[in-house]
Amino acid sequence: MPQADITQLPPNRERLLLYTLAAVQFTLIMDYVIMMPLGSHLMRAFGISPAQFGFLIAVYGISAGVSASSVGSCWIALIVGLPF
């Protein structure tokens, strides 16, 4: 399998990569900022226990991580110029 020549990115591609990574981090942080304060309201509305709400938060975080990883790796491949 041929090795890709990974050298320094052009400034516009490097900037796009940094903005993409910053957007992913911002989205993950905002998800927790929105979900955690609503815990008591969601537990009352759906009749769930704190343990069930904790499981909900864990699953939400795992799915966000998987989604961000898959989208992020595609973006990085596009920016660097590798086939994916």
C-alpha atoms as a PDB file:
ATOM      1  CA  MET A   1       0.000   0.000   0.000  1.00  0.00           C
ATOM      2  CA  PRO A   2       1.573   3.332  -1.017  1.00  0.00           C
ATOM      3  CA  GLN A   3       2.311   5.794   1.741  1.00  0.00           C
ATOM      4  CA  ALA A   4       0.680   9.203   1.533  1.00  0.00           C
ATOM      5  CA  ASP A   5       3.075  12.131   1.629  1.00  0.00           C
ATOM      6  CA  ILE A   6       1.827  14.004   4.674  1.00  0.00           C
ATOM      7  CA  THR A   7       3.622  17.297   4.969  1.00  0.00           C
ATOM      8  CA  GLN A   8       2.570  20.692   6.180  1.00  0.00           C
ATOM      9  CA  LEU A   9      -0.952  21.645   5.121  1.00  0.00           C
ATOM     10  CA  PRO A  10      -1.601  24.777   3.129  1.00  0.00           C
ATOM     11  CA  PRO A  11      -2.814  27.604   5.402  1.00  0.00           C
ATOM     12  CA  ASN A  12      -6.410  27.519   4.114  1.00  0.00           C
ATOM     13  CA  ARG A  13      -6.731  23.750   4.696  1.00  0.00           C
ATOM     14  CA  GLU A  14      -5.105  24.014   8.121  1.00  0.00           C
ATOM     15  CA  ARG A  15      -7.549  26.753   9.088  1.00  0.00           C
ATOM     16  CA  LEU A  16     -10.491  24.641   7.884  1.00  0.00           C
ATOM     17  CA  LEU A  17      -9.257  21.682   9.923  1.00  0.00           C
ATOM     18  CA  LEU A  18      -8.910  23.813  13.051  1.00  0.00           C
ATOM     19  CA  TYR A  19     -12.377  25.322  12.598  1.00  0.00           C
ATOM     20  CA  THR A  20     -13.860  21.846  12.137  1.00  0.00           C
ATOM     21  CA  LEU A  21     -12.221  20.525  15.297  1.00  0.00           C
ATOM     22  CA  ALA A  22     -13.308  23.619  17.227  1.00  0.00           C
ATOM     23  CA  ALA A  23     -16.902  23.173  16.014  1.00  0.00           C
ATOM     24  CA  VAL A  24     -16.934  19.533  17.145  1.00  0.00           C
ATOM     25  CA  GLN A  25     -15.639  20.486  20.592  1.00  0.00           C
ATOM     26  CA  PHE A  26     -18.125  23.348  20.897  1.00  0.00           C
ATOM     27  CA  THR A  27     -21.004  21.034  19.955  1.00  0.00           C
ATOM     28  CA  LEU A  28     -20.008  18.410  22.516  1.00  0.00           C
ATOM     29  CA  ILE A  29     -19.675  20.988  25.283  1.00  0.00           C
ATOM     30  CA  MET A  30     -23.009  22.612  24.439  1.00  0.00           C
ATOM     31  CA  ASP A  31     -24.726  19.225  24.501  1.00  0.00           C
ATOM     32  CA  TYR A  32     -23.683  18.718  28.110  1.00  0.00           C
ATOM     33  CA  VAL A  33     -24.454  22.312  29.057  1.00  0.00           C
ATOM     34  CA  ILE A  34     -27.984  21.815  27.730  1.00  0.00           C
ATOM     35  CA  MET A  35     -28.620  18.234  28.931  1.00  0.00           C
ATOM     36  CA  MET A  36     -27.257  18.354  32.479  1.00  0.00           C
ATOM     37  CA  PRO A  37     -29.266  21.339  33.814  1.00  0.00           C
ATOM     38  CA  LEU A  38     -32.451  19.793  32.427  1.00  0.00           C
ATOM     39  CA  GLY A  39     -31.915  16.601  34.437  1.00  0.00           C
ATOM     40  CA  SER A  40     -34.536  17.199  37.103  1.00  0.00           C
ATOM     41  CA  HIS A  41     -37.108  18.347  34.531  1.00  0.00           C
ATOM     42  CA  LEU A  42     -36.486  15.354  32.278  1.00  0.00           C
ATOM     43  CA  MET A  43     -36.623  12.892  35.193  1.00  0.00           C
ATOM     44  CA  ARG A  44     -39.983  14.295  36.278  1.00  0.00           C
ATOM     45  CA  ALA A  45     -41.405  14.494  32.755  1.00  0.00           C
ATOM     46  CA  PHE A  46     -40.472  10.930  31.801  1.00  0.00           C
ATOM     47  CA  GLY A  47     -40.715   9.360  35.260  1.00  0.00           C
ATOM     48  CA  ILE A  48     -37.151   8.031  35.277  1.00  0.00           C
ATOM     49  CA  SER A  49     -34.737   7.506  38.163  1.00  0.00           C
ATOM     50  CA  PRO A  50     -31.366   9.271  38.538  1.00  0.00           C
ATOM     51  CA  ALA A  51     -29.629   6.026  37.510  1.00  0.00           C
ATOM     52  CA  GLN A  52     -31.686   5.876  34.324  1.00  0.00           C
ATOM     53  CA  PHE A  53     -30.934   9.531  33.617  1.00  0.00           C
ATOM     54  CA  GLY A  54     -27.223   8.830  34.112  1.00  0.00           C
ATOM     55  CA  PHE A  55     -27.483   5.994  31.605  1.00  0.00           C
ATOM     56  CA  LEU A  56     -29.225   8.366  29.177  1.00  0.00           C
ATOM     57  CA  ILE A  57     -26.400  10.891  29.520  1.00  0.00           C
ATOM     58  CA  ALA A  58     -23.782   8.158  29.037  1.00  0.00           C
ATOM     59  CA  VAL A  59     -25.440   6.824  25.889  1.00  0.00           C
ATOM     60  CA  TYR A  60     -25.892  10.376  24.597  1.00  0.00           C
ATOM     61  CA  GLY A  61     -22.197  11.092  25.131  1.00  0.00           C
ATOM     62  CA  ILE A  62     -21.055   7.848  23.520  1.00  0.00           C
ATOM     63  CA  SER A  63     -23.240   8.389  20.460  1.00  0.00           C
ATOM     64  CA  ALA A  64     -21.993  11.972  20.134  1.00  0.00           C
ATOM     65  CA  GLY A  65     -18.407  10.737  20.316  1.00  0.00           C
ATOM     66  CA  VAL A  66     -18.942   8.049  17.673  1.00  0.00           C
ATOM     67  CA  SER A  67     -20.686  10.532  15.407  1.00  0.00           C
ATOM     68  CA  ALA A  68     -17.970  13.151  15.859  1.00  0.00           C
ATOM     69  CA  SER A  69     -15.217  10.595  15.223  1.00  0.00           C
ATOM     70  CA  SER A  70     -16.740   9.327  12.014  1.00  0.00           C
ATOM     71  CA  VAL A  71     -17.511  12.769  10.630  1.00  0.00           C
ATOM     72  CA  GLY A  72     -14.209  14.173  11.854  1.00  0.00           C
ATOM     73  CA  SER A  73     -12.143  11.441  10.236  1.00  0.00           C
ATOM     74  CA  CYS A  74     -13.903  12.021   6.906  1.00  0.00           C
ATOM     75  CA  TRP A  75     -13.257  15.765   7.141  1.00  0.00           C
ATOM     76  CA  ILE A  76      -9.613  15.227   8.015  1.00  0.00           C
ATOM     77  CA  ALA A  77      -9.219  12.840   5.075  1.00  0.00           C
ATOM     78  CA  LEU A  78     -10.797  15.410   2.760  1.00  0.00           C
ATOM     79  CA  ILE A  79      -8.662  18.244   4.070  1.00  0.00           C
ATOM     80  CA  VAL A  80      -5.396  16.299   3.921  1.00  0.00           C
ATOM     81  CA  GLY A  81      -6.332  14.820   0.569  1.00  0.00           C
ATOM     82  CA  LEU A  82      -6.437  11.135   1.488  1.00  0.00           C
ATOM     83  CA  PRO A  83      -9.049   8.777   0.077  1.00  0.00           C
ATOM     84  CA  PHE A  84     -11.547   7.506   2.637  1.00  0.00           C
END
